Amino acid sequence: MQRGTARPSSAATAPLPGSSRTPAAGSTGSAGSAAPAAARPAGQASAARAAEHPEAGHAAPAPAADAPRRVRLSLSRVSLWSVARLAFLLSVALGIIAVVAVTVLWSVLNGMGVFSQLDSVISDVVGSESEFRLADLLSLSRVLSVTVFLAVVDVVLLTLISTLGALLYNLASGLVGGVRLTLSDD
């Protein structure tokens, strides 16, 4: 069995590979023990299993009661569908935040008179005969329509790039075994 992989609960009664013992029907997986394996604490169950099957490796000493538990896991595969859903929802949220931020920024700039001051600077530079007005070009409706278009493009691109990244991770994980994590219970 690989380190860091989970075993189903029925694996306590199944023999380890290479073992000549086979559990009898209804046995608890430990010879001469009256307590079922599921009723024993995790440390006792693993120690009993290691005592029954010495070829599985040496038994580590049981951790002290107040010591934090450590678990070594490896992230070997990521579900593409869950990555696509999460990326879609997060990019939609970012798009909504962008629309609200652009609206607030435009309102603040318009309230401070930035657009009218820029119009007067442009008319001084170009001349008064020019019909160009920056306020018409940067109207709220135009700015919001461009922002919504960019937000929709952002949603599509982020969802596709995230899903492609998860696919590439799964392929690379198949070659090198994934990312190894050590989790501790503080």
Protein backbone atom coordinates (compact mmCIF):
# COMPACT_ATOMS: atom_id res chain seq x y z
CA MET A 1 0.00 0.00 0.00
CA GLN A 2 1.30 3.46 -0.84
CA ARG A 3 1.90 5.95 1.92
CA GLY A 4 -0.75 8.65 2.16
CA THR A 5 -3.57 6.75 0.48
CA ALA A 6 -6.80 6.05 2.28
CA ARG A 7 -8.04 2.54 2.86
CA PRO A 8 -11.69 1.59 3.09
CA SER A 9 -12.96 0.49 6.49
CA SER A 10 -13.27 -3.13 5.34
CA ALA A 11 -9.52 -3.19 4.67
CA ALA A 12 -8.89 -3.93 8.37
CA THR A 13 -10.22 -7.46 7.87
CA ALA A 14 -8.55 -8.05 4.50
CA PRO A 15 -5.13 -9.70 4.45
CA LEU A 16 -2.15 -7.67 3.36
CA PRO A 17 -0.49 -8.56 0.05
CA GLY A 18 1.92 -11.44 0.55
CA SER A 19 0.20 -12.62 3.72
CA SER A 20 -0.79 -16.27 4.03
CA ARG A 21 -3.59 -15.55 6.45
CA THR A 22 -7.14 -15.08 5.32
CA PRO A 23 -9.73 -13.76 7.73
CA ALA A 24 -12.58 -16.06 8.65
CA ALA A 25 -16.10 -14.94 8.01
CA GLY A 26 -17.17 -12.56 10.73
CA SER A 27 -13.68 -12.25 12.21
CA THR A 28 -12.44 -8.91 13.42
CA GLY A 29 -9.06 -9.10 11.78
CA SER A 30 -7.09 -9.72 14.98
CA ALA A 31 -6.45 -13.17 16.35
CA GLY A 32 -7.60 -13.60 19.93
CA SER A 33 -8.94 -10.08 20.35
CA ALA A 34 -12.47 -9.60 21.62
CA ALA A 35 -12.79 -5.93 20.58
CA PRO A 36 -13.63 -5.25 16.92
CA ALA A 37 -11.04 -3.25 14.96
CA ALA A 38 -13.48 -0.39 14.42
CA ALA A 39 -14.08 -0.03 18.18
CA ARG A 40 -10.37 0.29 19.00
CA PRO A 41 -8.65 3.68 18.90
CA ALA A 42 -6.67 4.36 15.72
CA GLY A 43 -3.27 3.92 17.39
CA GLN A 44 -4.20 0.51 18.86
CA ALA A 45 -5.72 -0.72 15.62
CA SER A 46 -2.62 0.13 13.60
CA ALA A 47 -0.33 -1.35 16.27
CA ALA A 48 -2.40 -4.58 16.30
CA ARG A 49 -2.28 -4.74 12.50
CA ALA A 50 1.49 -4.23 12.52
CA ALA A 51 1.90 -6.96 15.16
CA GLU A 52 -0.15 -9.41 13.10
CA HIS A 53 1.67 -8.65 9.86
CA PRO A 54 5.35 -7.99 10.56
CA GLU A 55 6.20 -8.01 6.85
CA ALA A 56 4.20 -4.78 6.43
CA GLY A 57 7.01 -2.83 8.11
CA HIS A 58 7.95 -1.84 11.58
CA ALA A 59 5.34 -0.28 13.80
CA ALA A 60 5.92 3.34 14.70
CA PRO A 61 5.57 4.18 18.37
CA ALA A 62 2.14 5.47 19.25
CA PRO A 63 2.08 9.26 19.56
CA ALA A 64 1.56 10.78 22.97
CA ALA A 65 -1.98 11.84 23.80
CA ASP A 66 -1.16 15.57 23.73
CA ALA A 67 1.14 15.47 20.68
CA PRO A 68 -0.34 16.71 17.39
CA ARG A 69 -1.12 14.08 14.79
CA ARG A 70 0.65 14.31 11.44
CA VAL A 71 -0.70 12.89 8.21
CA ARG A 72 1.25 12.70 4.97
CA LEU A 73 -0.93 12.93 1.89
CA SER A 74 -0.31 13.48 -1.78
CA LEU A 75 -2.58 15.42 -4.09
CA SER A 76 -2.42 13.12 -7.06
CA ARG A 77 -5.49 14.12 -9.07
CA VAL A 78 -7.73 17.17 -9.37
CA SER A 79 -11.28 16.89 -10.67
CA LEU A 80 -11.57 18.94 -13.86
CA TRP A 81 -15.28 19.56 -13.39
CA SER A 82 -14.84 20.95 -9.85
CA VAL A 83 -11.99 23.21 -11.03
CA ALA A 84 -14.13 24.48 -13.92
CA ARG A 85 -17.09 25.21 -11.63
CA LEU A 86 -14.96 26.97 -9.03
CA ALA A 87 -13.09 29.01 -11.64
CA PHE A 88 -16.38 30.01 -13.28
CA LEU A 89 -17.93 31.17 -10.01
CA LEU A 90 -14.83 33.07 -8.92
CA SER A 91 -14.44 34.78 -12.29
CA VAL A 92 -18.12 35.79 -12.27
CA ALA A 93 -17.57 37.28 -8.81
CA LEU A 94 -14.49 39.13 -10.10
CA GLY A 95 -16.52 40.41 -13.05
CA ILE A 96 -19.23 41.76 -10.76
CA ILE A 97 -16.60 43.38 -8.56
CA ALA A 98 -15.02 44.98 -11.63
CA VAL A 99 -18.34 46.42 -12.83
CA VAL A 100 -19.12 47.87 -9.40
CA ALA A 101 -15.58 49.28 -9.04
CA VAL A 102 -15.66 50.92 -12.47
CA THR A 103 -19.08 52.44 -11.72
CA VAL A 104 -17.88 53.88 -8.41
CA LEU A 105 -14.65 55.16 -9.96
CA TRP A 106 -16.50 56.81 -12.86
CA SER A 107 -18.95 58.43 -10.44
CA VAL A 108 -16.14 59.79 -8.27
CA LEU A 109 -14.22 61.14 -11.29
CA ASN A 110 -17.36 62.71 -12.74
CA GLY A 111 -18.29 64.21 -9.37
CA MET A 112 -14.84 65.79 -9.05
CA GLY A 113 -15.20 67.31 -12.52
CA VAL A 114 -12.22 65.49 -14.03
CA PHE A 115 -13.92 64.91 -17.38
CA SER A 116 -14.93 68.56 -17.83
CA GLN A 117 -11.41 69.71 -16.87
CA LEU A 118 -9.91 67.29 -19.41
CA ASP A 119 -12.34 68.62 -22.03
CA SER A 120 -11.15 72.18 -21.37
CA VAL A 121 -7.49 71.11 -21.60
CA ILE A 122 -8.13 69.31 -24.90
CA SER A 123 -10.01 72.30 -26.34
CA ASP A 124 -7.12 74.59 -25.31
CA VAL A 125 -4.58 72.31 -27.02
CA VAL A 126 -6.55 71.45 -30.17
CA GLY A 127 -8.52 74.64 -30.47
CA SER A 128 -12.11 75.62 -29.90
CA GLU A 129 -13.17 74.54 -33.39
CA SER A 130 -12.84 70.85 -32.41
CA GLU A 131 -16.09 69.05 -31.64
CA PHE A 132 -14.32 66.35 -29.61
CA ARG A 133 -15.59 65.90 -26.07
CA LEU A 134 -14.02 63.39 -23.72
CA ALA A 135 -17.15 63.32 -21.58
CA ASP A 136 -19.13 61.96 -24.57
CA LEU A 137 -16.50 59.32 -25.27
CA LEU A 138 -16.31 58.25 -21.62
CA SER A 139 -20.02 58.27 -20.82
CA LEU A 140 -21.17 55.91 -18.09
CA SER A 141 -23.12 53.69 -20.49
CA ARG A 142 -20.13 53.28 -22.80
CA VAL A 143 -17.71 52.60 -19.96
CA LEU A 144 -20.04 50.04 -18.39
CA SER A 145 -20.67 48.24 -21.68
CA VAL A 146 -16.90 47.88 -22.26
CA THR A 147 -16.46 46.70 -18.65
CA VAL A 148 -19.21 44.09 -18.96
CA PHE A 149 -17.75 42.85 -22.26
CA LEU A 150 -14.30 42.50 -20.68
CA ALA A 151 -15.83 40.77 -17.65
CA VAL A 152 -17.54 38.18 -19.89
CA VAL A 153 -14.28 37.58 -21.79
CA ASP A 154 -12.54 37.26 -18.40
CA VAL A 155 -15.06 34.65 -17.22
CA VAL A 156 -14.55 32.52 -20.33
CA LEU A 157 -10.75 32.83 -20.34
CA LEU A 158 -10.27 32.21 -16.61
CA THR A 159 -12.53 29.16 -16.69
CA LEU A 160 -10.72 27.68 -19.69
CA ILE A 161 -7.23 28.48 -18.39
CA SER A 162 -8.00 27.06 -14.93
CA THR A 163 -9.42 23.85 -16.39
CA LEU A 164 -6.44 23.52 -18.71
CA GLY A 165 -4.13 24.08 -15.73
CA ALA A 166 -5.90 21.29 -13.80
CA LEU A 167 -5.57 18.98 -16.81
CA LEU A 168 -1.85 19.73 -17.05
CA TYR A 169 -1.49 19.14 -13.30
CA ASN A 170 -3.17 15.74 -13.62
CA LEU A 171 -0.84 14.78 -16.46
CA ALA A 172 2.26 15.93 -14.57
CA SER A 173 1.03 14.30 -11.39
CA GLY A 174 0.79 10.98 -13.20
CA LEU A 175 4.50 11.27 -13.96
CA VAL A 176 5.89 12.54 -10.66
CA GLY A 177 3.25 11.48 -8.15
CA GLY A 178 1.65 14.81 -7.31
CA VAL A 179 2.22 17.32 -4.54
CA ARG A 180 3.05 15.83 -1.14
CA LEU A 181 1.42 17.46 1.88
CA THR A 182 1.97 16.96 5.59
CA LEU A 183 -1.05 17.97 7.64
CA SER A 184 -0.90 18.30 11.39
CA ASP A 185 -3.59 18.49 14.01
CA ASP A 186 -2.54 21.33 16.33
